Amino acid sequence: MRGSKVGLADLKRLKKDLQAERERTALAQRVAVLKKPESAPVDDMAAFKRTMKSVTPIKHDARVEHKPAAEPAPALRRANALGETPNRADAGVSDGGEITHLLSEAGTAFVRSDAAPDTARNLRRGQWRTGAELDLHGLRVEQARHALLSFLDECQEHGIRCVRIVHGKGYNSQGLEPVLKDKARTWLVQKAEVLAFSEAPEREGGAGALLVLLRQSEGPRK
């Protein structure tokens, strides 16, 4: 009996030792898995390139460009707010036409027949304070035409008589030609509300801008 009891104790101790050894082995394996280094970025890039080989690029003609919608002109915004049906401010105004015979001072000024002959000179001298300004840089011809004439309508509605129009000197245009310079003069001559205009003094833009005098309005609308 004594020998049997000793043998049974040894078996229990051996069983515990084996169990402890298995637990240590399992723990060591888990630690090894956690410490395994991740795939190098180079391998990821290589896998990405292999995947992209089967991709067919989109042809340029099939691409669709989503451009932001153009902002409505101030006159259109006002008409929409009041529930009115707006008319384009540049309706009936053309881009062409010979106006050289209507201009004075080497083509830099214009004075309507019912205005004083020295109006253009007084404009340059600052007799009328400039109440608003419009910069046409970056606009296409049709955009500039509508922007300019809408701007003049807005100014007259708010009782502003003298404005400055910046059309640029053409430094960024093809052939360095001031495309909007002659266009702006043509549009202004056709606008009955324009009494006179003159090339701005150097300090206010020189050959790249115009000072425009509008007819006296009844004042701001209520």
Protein backbone atom coordinates (compact mmCIF):
# COMPACT_ATOMS: atom_id res chain seq x y z
CA MET A 1 0.00 0.00 0.00
CA ARG A 2 2.80 2.43 0.81
CA GLY A 3 4.45 1.89 -2.56
CA SER A 4 1.16 2.43 -4.35
CA LYS A 5 0.52 5.75 -2.55
CA VAL A 6 3.97 7.08 -3.46
CA GLY A 7 3.48 6.14 -7.10
CA LEU A 8 0.09 7.88 -7.26
CA ALA A 9 1.58 11.12 -5.87
CA ASP A 10 4.33 11.00 -8.50
CA LEU A 11 1.74 10.59 -11.26
CA LYS A 12 -0.25 13.60 -10.02
CA ARG A 13 2.92 15.71 -9.86
CA LEU A 14 3.92 14.60 -13.38
CA LYS A 15 0.45 15.46 -14.69
CA LYS A 16 0.72 18.98 -13.21
CA ASP A 17 4.18 19.41 -14.71
CA LEU A 18 2.95 18.37 -18.16
CA GLN A 19 -0.02 20.70 -17.92
CA ALA A 20 2.21 23.60 -16.87
CA GLU A 21 4.56 22.83 -19.79
CA ARG A 22 1.67 22.87 -22.25
CA GLU A 23 0.45 26.21 -20.90
CA ARG A 24 3.94 27.70 -21.21
CA THR A 25 4.20 26.45 -24.80
CA ALA A 26 0.81 27.88 -25.72
CA LEU A 27 1.70 31.23 -24.14
CA ALA A 28 5.00 31.35 -26.02
CA GLN A 29 3.17 30.70 -29.31
CA ARG A 30 0.68 33.53 -28.65
CA VAL A 31 3.50 35.93 -27.83
CA ALA A 32 5.34 34.92 -31.02
CA VAL A 33 2.23 35.67 -33.10
CA LEU A 34 1.82 39.11 -31.52
CA LYS A 35 5.46 39.97 -32.17
CA LYS A 36 5.34 38.90 -35.82
CA PRO A 37 6.26 41.95 -37.98
CA GLU A 38 3.58 43.36 -40.34
CA SER A 39 4.02 43.33 -44.11
CA ALA A 40 6.39 45.96 -45.33
CA PRO A 41 4.84 48.97 -47.17
CA VAL A 42 6.80 47.91 -50.25
CA ASP A 43 4.84 44.66 -50.32
CA ASP A 44 1.56 46.60 -50.06
CA MET A 45 2.57 48.87 -52.95
CA ALA A 46 3.57 45.85 -55.05
CA ALA A 47 0.20 44.24 -54.36
CA PHE A 48 -1.60 47.49 -55.30
CA LYS A 49 0.29 47.69 -58.60
CA ARG A 50 -0.51 44.08 -59.39
CA THR A 51 -4.21 44.76 -58.75
CA MET A 52 -4.24 47.94 -60.87
CA LYS A 53 -2.89 46.09 -63.92
CA SER A 54 -6.37 44.72 -64.56
CA VAL A 55 -8.05 48.14 -64.30
CA THR A 56 -9.05 49.95 -67.52
CA PRO A 57 -8.51 53.76 -67.28
CA ILE A 58 -11.48 56.04 -68.02
CA LYS A 59 -11.18 57.70 -71.40
CA HIS A 60 -10.98 61.50 -71.32
CA ASP A 61 -14.09 61.94 -73.48
CA ALA A 62 -16.15 59.86 -71.06
CA ARG A 63 -15.39 62.05 -68.06
CA VAL A 64 -18.06 64.36 -66.72
CA GLU A 65 -17.00 67.64 -65.13
CA HIS A 66 -19.27 69.02 -62.43
CA LYS A 67 -18.93 72.78 -62.41
CA PRO A 68 -20.57 75.04 -59.81
CA ALA A 69 -23.69 76.79 -61.01
CA ALA A 70 -23.17 80.42 -61.94
CA GLU A 71 -24.32 82.98 -59.41
CA PRO A 72 -27.30 85.01 -60.65
CA ALA A 73 -26.68 88.68 -61.30
CA PRO A 74 -27.88 91.14 -58.60
CA ALA A 75 -30.80 92.32 -60.74
CA LEU A 76 -31.93 88.72 -61.27
CA ARG A 77 -31.62 87.97 -57.54
CA ARG A 78 -33.75 91.01 -56.72
CA ALA A 79 -36.40 90.08 -59.29
CA ASN A 80 -36.54 86.50 -58.00
CA ALA A 81 -36.91 87.74 -54.42
CA LEU A 82 -39.84 89.98 -55.39
CA GLY A 83 -41.48 87.35 -57.55
CA GLU A 84 -40.99 89.41 -60.70
CA THR A 85 -40.13 88.10 -64.17
CA PRO A 86 -36.69 89.57 -64.80
CA ASN A 87 -35.46 90.83 -68.16
CA ARG A 88 -31.80 90.48 -68.96
CA ALA A 89 -30.05 93.79 -68.45
CA ASP A 90 -28.09 93.30 -71.68
CA ALA A 91 -31.14 92.53 -73.83
CA GLY A 92 -30.80 94.31 -77.17
CA VAL A 93 -27.20 95.39 -76.55
CA SER A 94 -24.71 94.27 -79.21
CA ASP A 95 -20.97 93.66 -78.96
CA GLY A 96 -20.14 95.24 -82.30
CA GLY A 97 -20.86 98.46 -84.11
CA GLU A 98 -18.71 101.40 -85.07
CA ILE A 99 -18.62 103.97 -82.27
CA THR A 100 -15.35 105.74 -83.03
CA HIS A 101 -17.20 108.79 -84.36
CA LEU A 102 -19.06 109.07 -81.03
CA LEU A 103 -15.92 109.14 -78.90
CA SER A 104 -13.72 112.08 -78.08
CA GLU A 105 -10.24 112.72 -76.70
CA ALA A 106 -8.57 110.11 -78.94
CA GLY A 107 -11.22 107.52 -78.20
CA THR A 108 -10.84 107.65 -74.42
CA ALA A 109 -14.03 109.55 -73.59
CA PHE A 110 -17.70 109.81 -74.49
CA VAL A 111 -20.22 112.56 -73.72
CA ARG A 112 -23.87 112.29 -74.70
CA SER A 113 -25.34 115.21 -76.64
CA ASP A 114 -27.58 116.35 -73.77
CA ALA A 115 -24.66 116.58 -71.31
CA ALA A 116 -22.20 119.43 -70.84
CA PRO A 117 -19.20 119.18 -73.22
CA ASP A 118 -16.70 119.22 -70.35
CA THR A 119 -18.39 116.34 -68.47
CA ALA A 120 -15.64 113.83 -69.32
CA ARG A 121 -12.94 116.22 -68.13
CA ASN A 122 -14.82 116.86 -64.89
CA LEU A 123 -15.14 113.11 -64.39
CA ARG A 124 -11.35 112.73 -64.44
CA ARG A 125 -10.98 115.68 -62.08
CA GLY A 126 -13.17 113.93 -59.50
CA GLN A 127 -16.17 116.25 -59.59
CA TRP A 128 -18.40 113.23 -58.87
CA ARG A 129 -17.46 110.85 -56.12
CA THR A 130 -17.11 107.23 -57.21
CA GLY A 131 -19.85 105.32 -55.40
CA ALA A 132 -19.28 101.78 -56.67
CA GLU A 133 -16.81 99.68 -58.65
CA LEU A 134 -17.00 96.64 -60.92
CA ASP A 135 -14.02 94.47 -61.88
CA LEU A 136 -14.47 92.47 -65.10
CA HIS A 137 -11.21 90.53 -64.86
CA GLY A 138 -11.57 86.83 -65.67
CA LEU A 139 -14.99 87.11 -67.35
CA ARG A 140 -15.85 86.06 -70.88
CA VAL A 141 -17.41 88.65 -73.20
CA GLU A 142 -21.02 87.55 -72.64
CA GLN A 143 -20.47 87.34 -68.89
CA ALA A 144 -18.85 90.77 -68.79
CA ARG A 145 -21.66 92.34 -70.84
CA HIS A 146 -24.38 91.09 -68.52
CA ALA A 147 -22.37 91.89 -65.39
CA LEU A 148 -21.67 95.45 -66.52
CA LEU A 149 -25.20 96.37 -67.55
CA SER A 150 -26.76 94.68 -64.50
CA PHE A 151 -24.30 96.59 -62.33
CA LEU A 152 -25.31 99.91 -63.90
CA ASP A 153 -29.00 99.16 -63.33
CA GLU A 154 -28.33 98.34 -59.68
CA CYS A 155 -26.33 101.54 -59.19
CA GLN A 156 -29.02 103.71 -60.72
CA GLU A 157 -31.69 102.08 -58.56
CA HIS A 158 -29.65 103.03 -55.48
CA GLY A 159 -28.98 106.59 -56.62
CA ILE A 160 -25.27 106.08 -57.40
CA ARG A 161 -24.21 108.43 -60.19
CA CYS A 162 -20.49 107.81 -60.69
CA VAL A 163 -18.93 104.33 -60.93
CA ARG A 164 -15.60 102.82 -61.91
CA ILE A 165 -15.41 99.92 -64.38
CA VAL A 166 -12.15 97.93 -64.39
CA HIS A 167 -11.75 96.10 -67.71
CA GLY A 168 -8.00 95.52 -67.62
CA LYS A 169 -5.21 96.20 -70.09
CA GLY A 170 -5.15 92.77 -71.68
CA TYR A 171 -1.90 91.49 -70.18
CA ASN A 172 -3.38 88.00 -69.67
CA SER A 173 -5.29 87.77 -72.96
CA GLN A 174 -4.22 86.15 -76.21
CA GLY A 175 -1.87 88.47 -78.06
CA LEU A 176 -1.97 90.83 -75.06
CA GLU A 177 -5.01 92.53 -76.60
CA PRO A 178 -7.39 94.32 -74.17
CA VAL A 179 -10.49 92.45 -75.38
CA LEU A 180 -12.97 94.06 -72.97
CA LYS A 181 -11.68 97.60 -73.42
CA ASP A 182 -13.48 98.32 -76.71
CA LYS A 183 -16.41 96.07 -75.78
CA ALA A 184 -17.10 98.00 -72.60
CA ARG A 185 -17.11 101.32 -74.48
CA THR A 186 -19.51 99.87 -77.07
CA TRP A 187 -21.92 98.65 -74.39
CA LEU A 188 -21.84 101.93 -72.49
CA VAL A 189 -22.62 104.01 -75.59
CA GLN A 190 -25.75 101.89 -76.15
CA LYS A 191 -26.91 102.37 -72.57
CA ALA A 192 -29.18 105.45 -72.55
CA GLU A 193 -28.67 105.91 -68.80
CA VAL A 194 -24.97 106.61 -69.37
CA LEU A 195 -24.36 110.35 -69.72
CA ALA A 196 -20.60 110.14 -70.15
CA PHE A 197 -17.50 108.09 -69.50
CA SER A 198 -13.79 108.74 -69.49
CA GLU A 199 -10.59 106.78 -69.13
CA ALA A 200 -9.65 106.82 -65.45
CA PRO A 201 -6.65 108.78 -64.09
CA GLU A 202 -3.50 106.71 -63.53
CA ARG A 203 -4.10 106.53 -59.77
CA GLU A 204 -7.48 104.90 -60.46
CA GLY A 205 -6.48 102.40 -63.15
CA GLY A 206 -5.50 104.51 -66.15
CA ALA A 207 -6.08 102.74 -69.48
CA GLY A 208 -7.40 99.69 -67.65
CA ALA A 209 -10.49 101.40 -66.20
CA LEU A 210 -13.32 103.78 -67.00
CA LEU A 211 -15.16 106.35 -64.92
CA VAL A 212 -18.84 106.35 -65.85
CA LEU A 213 -21.45 109.03 -65.08
CA LEU A 214 -25.08 107.90 -64.92
CA ARG A 215 -28.18 110.00 -65.25
CA GLN A 216 -29.70 111.35 -62.07
CA SER A 217 -32.19 108.78 -60.77
CA GLU A 218 -35.16 109.26 -58.50
CA GLY A 219 -33.20 107.66 -55.65
CA PRO A 220 -33.32 104.27 -53.97
CA ARG A 221 -36.48 102.25 -54.35
CA LYS A 222 -38.50 101.73 -51.20
